[in-house]
Amino acid sequence: MLQLHTIRENKESIITALQKRNIDAEPMLSKIIELDEKRRSIQTELDATLAESNKLSKEIGMLFKSGKAQEANALKEKTAGLKEASKQLGDDLNAAATALQEQLYQIPNVPHESVPAGNTDEDNEEIFREGDIPVLEEDALPHWELAKKYNIIDFELGVKVTGAGFPVYKGKGARLQRALIAYFLDKNTEAGYMEIQPPLMVNEASGYGTGQLPDKEGQMYHATADDLYLIPTAEVPITNLHRDDILAEADFPIKYTGYTPCFRREAGSYGAHVRGLNRLHQFDKVEIVRMEHPNHSYAALDEMVEHVKNILRDLKLPYRILRLCGGDLGFTSALTYDFEVFSTAQDRWLEISSVSNFETFQANRLKLRFKDENGKSQLAHTLNGSALALPRVLAGILENCQTKDGIKIPDVLVPYCGFDTIA
């Protein structure tokens, strides 16, 4: 969420920056300033009314002490009117503050200056590519066919138990999933990230804190009886560990990693591009989350990108990195790098990780602050990234590592899963 003083002081530059998202922000920002002025005006009037009421209350007490009951009672009638007025002003102030907050929630984060303009994912900027795309046999299969052939993932059984988008992993498929999770967590903890096992459901405040609410409300599973939400990513509960915290500069950097199942309704997702593991309602993901001093957050972002690169190098998967354009940038992000693995059997790139800097956008919602060297309170910067999302990594391994004798497991995973081939 953008800060009010930032909007007031930088309205025109914010309007220009949000044009990269293909948003005309002028009406929204003008409305915010108008609501803020209304809120301030009501607050001023309320303060004056309460001050007058307090002044008269003191006078009434003194009049009673002086035996001037008639004059005191006359003033009591006036204070009754002031109390009624202050109650109405208090209600008006709450309504104005709520309207202002709701309007602020509608404004996305301001893109970093390096974000390219663009409308869709076709306008994203490729900045890096590494790894050789394997040459497969002519009869190479996509992962959903390989899963059936080797009996390692059962999509139909998942439909029977729950519905589409909830696969059942079996035998070596389940063990490979477990191996990937353990490997990712080990890589992250070796890099200094503290492992966290967070709740899989969050309250509304947590959803608002990281920006899933109200922006992605329809994409989250909502347990209405308890007003809790199934998490779409570990980013949500882990980042909210520091909601309402005031940190010290010495606390930075704060680095967490966590494995969780993730739940996404993915409403409106249809077609061949979502077959198999390409898009699911429940999937496993290992996340990295950081809280940083504002002066160091972009260096931290670069470090996170290099970390994910190293994981993919270990897996020997061909990948590329995209800098997302304004039209494809997430609501809360200032800058995002997407990692994509090439699926040789599908002849397409599959997104497997997003690494993002949110700057102060989430911290403002979370009220996550720190005391600087002068004792002044400032907003921290938050960052997160997938390291990694399992479904498309698994799809990439199955498809790119298939041979006539079976699926060759990447060397780094063999100690974790206990076998080197699925056949």
Protein backbone atom coordinates (compact mmCIF):
# COMPACT_ATOMS: atom_id res chain seq x y z
CA MET A 1 0.00 0.00 0.00
CA LEU A 2 1.32 3.42 -0.93
CA GLN A 3 1.83 5.94 1.85
CA LEU A 4 -0.39 9.01 1.93
CA HIS A 5 2.47 11.48 2.17
CA THR A 6 4.14 9.78 -0.81
CA ILE A 7 0.97 10.18 -2.88
CA ARG A 8 0.62 13.84 -1.88
CA GLU A 9 4.26 14.69 -2.55
CA ASN A 10 4.77 12.59 -5.70
CA LYS A 11 1.35 12.41 -7.35
CA GLU A 12 2.51 13.16 -10.89
CA SER A 13 5.51 10.82 -10.83
CA ILE A 14 3.31 8.00 -9.46
CA ILE A 15 0.79 8.60 -12.27
CA THR A 16 3.61 8.38 -14.82
CA ALA A 17 5.08 5.23 -13.26
CA LEU A 18 1.72 3.45 -13.09
CA GLN A 19 1.25 4.03 -16.82
CA LYS A 20 3.71 1.13 -17.19
CA ARG A 21 0.94 -1.00 -15.69
CA ASN A 22 -1.48 0.46 -18.26
CA ILE A 23 -3.34 2.23 -15.44
CA ASP A 24 -4.63 5.79 -15.48
CA ALA A 25 -4.09 6.46 -11.79
CA GLU A 26 -5.03 10.15 -11.79
CA PRO A 27 -8.71 9.67 -10.80
CA MET A 28 -7.81 7.22 -8.02
CA LEU A 29 -5.04 9.39 -6.58
CA SER A 30 -7.20 12.52 -6.74
CA LYS A 31 -9.96 10.64 -4.92
CA ILE A 32 -7.48 9.56 -2.24
CA ILE A 33 -6.28 13.12 -1.69
CA GLU A 34 -9.90 14.34 -1.57
CA LEU A 35 -10.83 11.68 1.01
CA ASP A 36 -7.75 12.47 3.07
CA GLU A 37 -8.64 16.17 3.10
CA LYS A 38 -12.18 15.30 4.18
CA ARG A 39 -10.82 13.06 6.94
CA ARG A 40 -8.48 15.80 8.14
CA SER A 41 -11.27 18.36 8.12
CA ILE A 42 -13.53 16.11 10.20
CA GLN A 43 -10.66 15.38 12.58
CA THR A 44 -10.01 19.10 13.06
CA GLU A 45 -13.68 19.76 13.73
CA LEU A 46 -13.89 16.82 16.14
CA ASP A 47 -10.78 17.98 18.04
CA ALA A 48 -12.25 21.48 18.37
CA THR A 49 -15.61 20.12 19.55
CA LEU A 50 -13.98 17.86 22.15
CA ALA A 51 -11.78 20.72 23.35
CA GLU A 52 -14.82 23.00 23.75
CA SER A 53 -16.69 20.24 25.58
CA ASN A 54 -13.77 19.71 27.98
CA LYS A 55 -13.48 23.43 28.58
CA LEU A 56 -17.17 23.73 29.41
CA SER A 57 -17.01 20.70 31.70
CA LYS A 58 -14.32 22.43 33.75
CA GLU A 59 -16.38 25.63 33.89
CA ILE A 60 -19.44 23.67 35.03
CA GLY A 61 -17.45 22.14 37.88
CA MET A 62 -16.24 25.53 38.99
CA LEU A 63 -19.76 27.02 38.80
CA PHE A 64 -21.18 24.27 40.97
CA LYS A 65 -18.42 24.84 43.50
CA SER A 66 -19.29 28.53 43.54
CA GLY A 67 -22.97 27.79 44.16
CA LYS A 68 -24.04 28.94 40.71
CA ALA A 69 -26.12 25.86 39.91
CA GLN A 70 -28.46 27.65 37.48
CA GLU A 71 -25.59 28.83 35.28
CA ALA A 72 -23.95 25.39 35.54
CA ASN A 73 -27.13 23.62 34.40
CA ALA A 74 -27.43 25.98 31.44
CA LEU A 75 -23.92 25.03 30.34
CA LYS A 76 -24.73 21.34 30.82
CA GLU A 77 -27.37 21.62 28.10
CA LYS A 78 -24.73 23.06 25.80
CA THR A 79 -22.26 20.25 26.58
CA ALA A 80 -24.97 17.68 25.83
CA GLY A 81 -25.23 19.14 22.35
CA LEU A 82 -21.46 19.09 21.96
CA LYS A 83 -21.33 15.42 23.02
CA GLU A 84 -23.97 14.54 20.44
CA ALA A 85 -22.05 16.48 17.80
CA SER A 86 -18.77 14.79 18.75
CA LYS A 87 -20.41 11.35 18.49
CA GLN A 88 -21.65 12.14 14.99
CA LEU A 89 -18.25 13.54 14.02
CA GLY A 90 -16.62 10.38 15.36
CA ASP A 91 -18.88 8.26 13.18
CA ASP A 92 -18.15 10.49 10.19
CA LEU A 93 -14.42 10.24 10.87
CA ASN A 94 -14.54 6.43 10.97
CA ALA A 95 -16.53 6.35 7.72
CA ALA A 96 -14.07 8.71 6.03
CA ALA A 97 -11.06 6.71 7.26
CA THR A 98 -12.62 3.45 6.04
CA ALA A 99 -13.38 4.94 2.62
CA LEU A 100 -9.82 6.25 2.40
CA GLN A 101 -8.34 2.88 3.37
CA GLU A 102 -10.48 1.04 0.84
CA GLN A 103 -9.34 3.42 -1.89
CA LEU A 104 -5.68 3.00 -0.91
CA TYR A 105 -6.08 -0.79 -1.18
CA GLN A 106 -7.00 -0.39 -4.85
CA ILE A 107 -3.69 1.20 -5.89
CA PRO A 108 -0.99 -1.27 -7.00
CA ASN A 109 2.68 -0.84 -6.21
CA VAL A 110 4.72 1.64 -8.23
CA PRO A 111 6.99 -0.22 -10.70
CA HIS A 112 10.75 0.13 -10.32
CA GLU A 113 12.36 2.32 -12.96
CA SER A 114 13.90 -0.76 -14.63
CA VAL A 115 10.49 -2.36 -15.28
CA PRO A 116 9.75 -2.30 -19.02
CA ALA A 117 6.44 -0.98 -20.29
CA GLY A 118 4.13 -3.58 -21.80
CA ASN A 119 0.70 -5.14 -21.79
CA THR A 120 1.14 -8.92 -21.58
CA ASP A 121 3.72 -11.62 -20.89
CA GLU A 122 4.85 -11.27 -24.49
CA ASP A 123 6.35 -7.91 -23.52
CA ASN A 124 8.49 -9.34 -20.72
CA GLU A 125 12.23 -8.83 -21.18
CA GLU A 126 14.52 -11.85 -21.30
CA ILE A 127 17.71 -10.96 -19.42
CA PHE A 128 19.46 -14.32 -19.01
CA ARG A 129 19.44 -17.84 -20.41
CA GLU A 130 21.50 -20.88 -19.44
CA GLY A 131 21.62 -24.61 -20.11
CA ASP A 132 21.42 -26.76 -23.18
CA ILE A 133 18.00 -27.87 -24.35
CA PRO A 134 18.21 -31.66 -24.70
CA VAL A 135 17.43 -33.43 -27.95
CA LEU A 136 14.82 -36.10 -27.19
CA GLU A 137 13.73 -39.19 -29.05
CA GLU A 138 10.98 -38.71 -31.62
CA ASP A 139 8.52 -40.54 -29.41
CA ALA A 140 9.25 -38.35 -26.34
CA LEU A 141 6.20 -37.85 -24.11
CA PRO A 142 4.82 -34.91 -22.11
CA HIS A 143 4.95 -35.36 -18.35
CA TRP A 144 1.29 -36.33 -17.96
CA GLU A 145 1.86 -39.29 -20.28
CA LEU A 146 5.11 -40.18 -18.51
CA ALA A 147 3.32 -40.03 -15.17
CA LYS A 148 0.79 -42.57 -16.45
CA LYS A 149 3.39 -44.76 -18.12
CA TYR A 150 5.51 -45.11 -14.97
CA ASN A 151 2.57 -44.96 -12.52
CA ILE A 152 4.04 -42.06 -10.49
CA ILE A 153 1.24 -39.46 -10.66
CA ASP A 154 -2.47 -40.25 -10.93
CA PHE A 155 -4.54 -37.29 -12.11
CA GLU A 156 -7.77 -39.27 -12.47
CA LEU A 157 -7.55 -40.58 -8.92
CA GLY A 158 -7.19 -37.01 -7.70
CA VAL A 159 -10.39 -36.10 -9.54
CA LYS A 160 -12.15 -38.99 -7.81
CA VAL A 161 -10.99 -37.96 -4.34
CA THR A 162 -11.28 -34.18 -4.69
CA GLY A 163 -11.51 -32.78 -8.21
CA ALA A 164 -9.41 -31.59 -11.13
CA GLY A 165 -6.14 -29.96 -10.14
CA PHE A 166 -5.47 -32.20 -7.11
CA PRO A 167 -3.08 -34.94 -8.32
CA VAL A 168 -2.11 -38.02 -6.33
CA TYR A 169 1.65 -38.74 -6.28
CA LYS A 170 2.52 -42.43 -6.02
CA GLY A 171 5.61 -44.54 -5.36
CA LYS A 172 8.71 -43.00 -6.89
CA GLY A 173 6.68 -39.93 -7.81
CA ALA A 174 5.91 -39.25 -4.14
CA ARG A 175 9.52 -39.95 -3.15
CA LEU A 176 10.80 -37.57 -5.83
CA GLN A 177 8.47 -34.87 -4.51
CA ARG A 178 9.82 -35.41 -1.00
CA ALA A 179 13.38 -35.36 -2.32
CA LEU A 180 12.87 -32.04 -4.08
CA ILE A 181 11.39 -30.45 -0.95
CA ALA A 182 14.28 -31.64 1.24
CA TYR A 183 16.87 -30.58 -1.34
CA PHE A 184 15.40 -27.09 -1.75
CA LEU A 185 15.18 -26.58 2.02
CA ASP A 186 18.77 -27.75 2.50
CA LYS A 187 20.02 -25.38 -0.20
CA ASN A 188 18.13 -22.49 1.37
CA THR A 189 19.23 -23.15 4.94
CA GLU A 190 22.84 -23.51 3.76
CA ALA A 191 22.44 -20.00 2.29
CA GLY A 192 21.44 -18.60 5.69
CA TYR A 193 17.66 -18.83 5.54
CA MET A 194 15.97 -19.96 8.77
CA GLU A 195 13.51 -22.79 8.17
CA ILE A 196 9.92 -22.02 9.21
CA GLN A 197 6.94 -24.37 9.26
CA PRO A 198 4.00 -21.93 9.19
CA PRO A 199 0.23 -22.43 9.43
CA LEU A 200 -1.54 -23.37 6.20
CA MET A 201 -4.47 -21.06 6.96
CA VAL A 202 -4.38 -17.34 7.69
CA ASN A 203 -6.80 -14.76 9.00
CA GLU A 204 -8.10 -11.78 7.06
CA ALA A 205 -5.53 -9.40 8.56
CA SER A 206 -2.71 -11.57 7.20
CA GLY A 207 -4.31 -11.61 3.75
CA TYR A 208 -4.49 -7.82 3.74
CA GLY A 209 -0.98 -7.56 5.16
CA THR A 210 0.74 -9.13 2.16
CA GLY A 211 -1.73 -7.87 -0.45
CA GLN A 212 -3.67 -11.03 -1.35
CA LEU A 213 -6.76 -9.23 -0.07
CA PRO A 214 -8.69 -7.61 -1.53
CA ASP A 215 -6.82 -8.03 -4.85
CA LYS A 216 -6.95 -11.85 -5.12
CA GLU A 217 -9.91 -12.65 -2.89
CA GLY A 218 -11.64 -14.72 -5.57
CA GLN A 219 -8.51 -16.82 -6.12
CA MET A 220 -8.19 -17.95 -2.50
CA TYR A 221 -10.05 -20.80 -0.83
CA HIS A 222 -12.10 -19.29 2.01
CA ALA A 223 -13.23 -21.30 5.04
CA THR A 224 -16.22 -19.06 5.73
CA ALA A 225 -17.31 -20.66 9.02
CA ASP A 226 -14.07 -19.50 10.69
CA ASP A 227 -13.24 -16.67 8.25
CA LEU A 228 -9.85 -18.19 7.45
CA TYR A 229 -8.08 -18.50 4.09
CA LEU A 230 -6.02 -21.41 2.76
CA ILE A 231 -2.63 -19.98 1.85
CA PRO A 232 -1.73 -19.46 -1.84
CA THR A 233 1.96 -19.39 -0.89
CA ALA A 234 4.15 -19.56 2.22
CA GLU A 235 4.95 -15.89 1.62
CA VAL A 236 1.68 -14.95 3.33
CA PRO A 237 2.10 -16.55 6.78
CA ILE A 238 5.89 -16.12 6.89
CA THR A 239 5.87 -12.40 6.03
CA ASN A 240 3.07 -11.86 8.55
CA LEU A 241 5.32 -13.18 11.32
CA HIS A 242 6.52 -9.58 11.56
CA ARG A 243 3.19 -7.78 11.24
CA ASP A 244 3.05 -4.82 13.68
CA ASP A 245 6.73 -5.29 14.59
CA ILE A 246 9.30 -2.55 15.15
CA LEU A 247 12.74 -3.94 14.37
CA ALA A 248 16.24 -2.65 14.96
CA GLU A 249 18.63 -1.99 12.09
CA ALA A 250 20.86 -4.72 13.52
CA ASP A 251 18.08 -7.26 12.90
CA PHE A 252 18.58 -7.07 9.12
CA PRO A 253 18.74 -9.10 7.02
CA ILE A 254 15.93 -11.39 8.17
CA LYS A 255 15.88 -14.50 5.97
CA TYR A 256 13.30 -17.29 6.13
CA THR A 257 12.52 -20.37 4.10
CA GLY A 258 9.52 -22.63 4.37
CA TYR A 259 7.87 -25.56 2.66
CA THR A 260 4.07 -25.60 2.41
CA PRO A 261 1.32 -26.98 0.24
CA CYS A 262 -0.26 -24.06 -1.62
CA PHE A 263 -3.92 -23.68 -2.56
CA ARG A 264 -5.24 -21.61 -5.47
CA ARG A 265 -8.65 -21.66 -7.04
CA GLU A 266 -7.21 -20.61 -10.42
CA ALA A 267 -10.69 -19.59 -11.53
CA GLY A 268 -10.98 -19.17 -15.28
CA SER A 269 -7.90 -21.29 -16.14
CA TYR A 270 -8.69 -23.63 -19.00
CA GLY A 271 -7.07 -25.11 -22.10
CA ALA A 272 -4.17 -27.33 -23.11
CA HIS A 273 -1.60 -25.06 -21.42
CA VAL A 274 -2.92 -26.11 -17.99
CA ARG A 275 -2.73 -29.89 -18.54
CA GLY A 276 -1.05 -32.18 -16.04
CA LEU A 277 1.17 -30.33 -13.58
CA ASN A 278 1.15 -27.07 -15.52
CA ARG A 279 -1.52 -25.54 -13.30
CA LEU A 280 -2.97 -27.02 -10.12
CA HIS A 281 -5.30 -26.10 -7.28
CA GLN A 282 -2.98 -27.72 -4.72
CA PHE A 283 0.77 -27.91 -5.13
CA ASP A 284 3.97 -27.92 -3.08
CA LYS A 285 6.38 -25.02 -2.95
CA VAL A 286 9.47 -23.99 -1.02
CA GLU A 287 9.65 -20.24 -0.49
CA ILE A 288 12.34 -17.77 0.54
CA VAL A 289 11.30 -14.54 2.28
CA ARG A 290 13.41 -11.58 3.35
CA MET A 291 12.98 -8.40 5.38
CA GLU A 292 15.63 -5.85 4.50
CA HIS A 293 16.86 -2.33 5.16
CA PRO A 294 15.66 -0.16 2.24
CA ASN A 295 19.25 0.66 1.28
CA HIS A 296 20.07 -3.02 0.74
CA SER A 297 16.93 -4.56 -0.71
CA TYR A 298 17.96 -4.51 -4.36
CA ALA A 299 21.30 -6.09 -3.57
CA ALA A 300 19.28 -8.71 -1.67
CA LEU A 301 17.07 -9.22 -4.73
CA ASP A 302 20.14 -9.85 -6.89
CA GLU A 303 21.41 -12.33 -4.28
CA MET A 304 18.08 -14.19 -4.36
CA VAL A 305 18.22 -14.40 -8.17
CA GLU A 306 21.73 -15.88 -8.01
CA HIS A 307 20.57 -18.36 -5.38
CA VAL A 308 17.77 -19.68 -7.61
CA LYS A 309 20.20 -19.83 -10.54
CA ASN A 310 22.49 -22.09 -8.54
CA ILE A 311 19.65 -24.48 -7.71
CA LEU A 312 18.71 -24.81 -11.38
CA ARG A 313 22.34 -25.30 -12.34
CA ASP A 314 22.52 -28.17 -9.85
CA LEU A 315 19.42 -29.71 -11.40
CA LYS A 316 20.93 -29.19 -14.88
CA LEU A 317 17.67 -27.83 -16.26
CA PRO A 318 17.69 -25.31 -19.13
CA TYR A 319 16.18 -22.06 -17.91
CA ARG A 320 15.80 -18.38 -18.64
CA ILE A 321 15.08 -15.27 -16.56
CA LEU A 322 12.54 -12.62 -17.51
CA ARG A 323 12.13 -9.12 -16.13
CA LEU A 324 8.36 -8.68 -16.02
CA CYS A 325 6.80 -5.77 -17.84
CA GLY A 326 4.37 -3.40 -16.15
CA GLY A 327 1.30 -5.16 -17.54
CA ASP A 328 2.42 -8.56 -16.21
CA LEU A 329 3.75 -7.33 -12.87
CA GLY A 330 2.00 -8.57 -9.71
CA PHE A 331 -0.17 -6.10 -7.81
CA THR A 332 2.19 -5.82 -4.84
CA SER A 333 5.54 -6.00 -6.63
CA ALA A 334 7.91 -3.17 -7.59
CA LEU A 335 10.18 -5.50 -9.60
CA THR A 336 9.83 -9.20 -10.42
CA TYR A 337 12.12 -11.68 -12.15
CA ASP A 338 10.45 -14.84 -13.44
CA PHE A 339 12.43 -18.05 -13.92
CA GLU A 340 11.22 -20.41 -16.63
CA VAL A 341 12.35 -23.96 -17.38
CA PHE A 342 12.15 -25.21 -20.94
CA SER A 343 9.90 -28.21 -21.38
CA THR A 344 11.32 -30.03 -24.37
CA ALA A 345 8.41 -32.45 -24.72
CA GLN A 346 5.88 -29.60 -24.66
CA ASP A 347 8.17 -27.26 -26.63
CA ARG A 348 7.39 -24.35 -24.30
CA TRP A 349 8.72 -22.44 -21.32
CA LEU A 350 7.21 -23.15 -17.90
CA GLU A 351 7.35 -20.59 -15.09
CA ILE A 352 8.88 -22.15 -11.98
CA SER A 353 9.83 -19.17 -9.81
CA SER A 354 9.09 -15.49 -9.26
CA VAL A 355 11.56 -13.42 -7.24
CA SER A 356 10.22 -10.01 -6.22
CA ASN A 357 11.00 -6.85 -4.29
CA PHE A 358 7.90 -5.22 -2.79
CA GLU A 359 9.86 -2.30 -1.31
CA THR A 360 7.61 -0.70 1.37
CA PHE A 361 4.30 -1.77 -0.19
CA GLN A 362 3.68 -4.78 2.04
CA ALA A 363 5.47 -3.26 5.03
CA ASN A 364 3.05 -0.32 5.04
CA ARG A 365 0.10 -2.72 5.19
CA LEU A 366 1.86 -4.84 7.80
CA LYS A 367 3.05 -1.85 9.85
CA LEU A 368 6.49 -3.46 9.71
CA ARG A 369 8.97 -0.82 10.78
CA PHE A 370 12.48 -0.42 12.11
CA LYS A 371 14.32 2.23 14.11
CA ASP A 372 17.14 3.85 12.15
CA GLU A 373 20.39 5.11 13.69
CA ASN A 374 18.68 8.36 14.65
CA GLY A 375 15.84 6.54 16.40
CA LYS A 376 13.38 7.45 13.64
CA SER A 377 10.80 4.85 12.63
CA GLN A 378 10.92 3.77 8.96
CA LEU A 379 9.21 1.12 6.86
CA ALA A 380 11.25 -2.00 6.05
CA HIS A 381 11.43 -3.59 2.60
CA THR A 382 10.06 -7.10 2.00
CA LEU A 383 11.07 -9.60 -0.69
CA ASN A 384 10.14 -13.16 -1.59
CA GLY A 385 10.84 -15.83 -4.14
CA SER A 386 10.06 -19.42 -5.05
CA ALA A 387 12.99 -21.73 -4.43
CA LEU A 388 11.25 -23.59 -5.90
CA ALA A 389 7.67 -24.41 -6.96
CA LEU A 390 7.59 -28.18 -7.42
CA PRO A 391 5.01 -29.02 -10.12
CA ARG A 392 6.75 -27.46 -13.11
CA VAL A 393 10.22 -28.37 -11.83
CA LEU A 394 8.99 -31.95 -11.66
CA ALA A 395 7.46 -31.61 -15.14
CA GLY A 396 10.79 -30.30 -16.43
CA ILE A 397 12.72 -33.18 -14.87
CA LEU A 398 10.33 -35.83 -16.20
CA GLU A 399 10.27 -34.41 -19.72
CA ASN A 400 13.87 -33.25 -20.17
CA CYS A 401 15.47 -36.25 -18.46
CA GLN A 402 13.48 -38.98 -20.22
CA THR A 403 15.44 -41.62 -22.10
CA LYS A 404 14.54 -44.87 -23.81
CA ASP A 405 15.44 -46.65 -20.56
CA GLY A 406 13.44 -44.40 -18.25
CA ILE A 407 13.73 -41.05 -16.52
CA LYS A 408 17.24 -40.19 -15.31
CA ILE A 409 17.16 -38.47 -11.91
CA PRO A 410 19.47 -35.42 -11.53
CA ASP A 411 22.59 -36.40 -9.58
CA VAL A 412 21.98 -33.94 -6.72
CA LEU A 413 18.62 -35.59 -5.98
CA VAL A 414 19.79 -39.21 -5.93
CA PRO A 415 20.96 -39.12 -2.27
CA TYR A 416 17.58 -37.68 -1.30
CA CYS A 417 15.31 -40.09 -3.17
CA GLY A 418 17.44 -43.25 -3.08
CA PHE A 419 17.20 -44.12 -6.79
CA ASP A 420 18.72 -42.76 -9.98
CA THR A 421 16.11 -43.83 -12.52
CA ILE A 422 12.36 -44.11 -12.85
CA ALA A 423 11.67 -47.05 -15.13
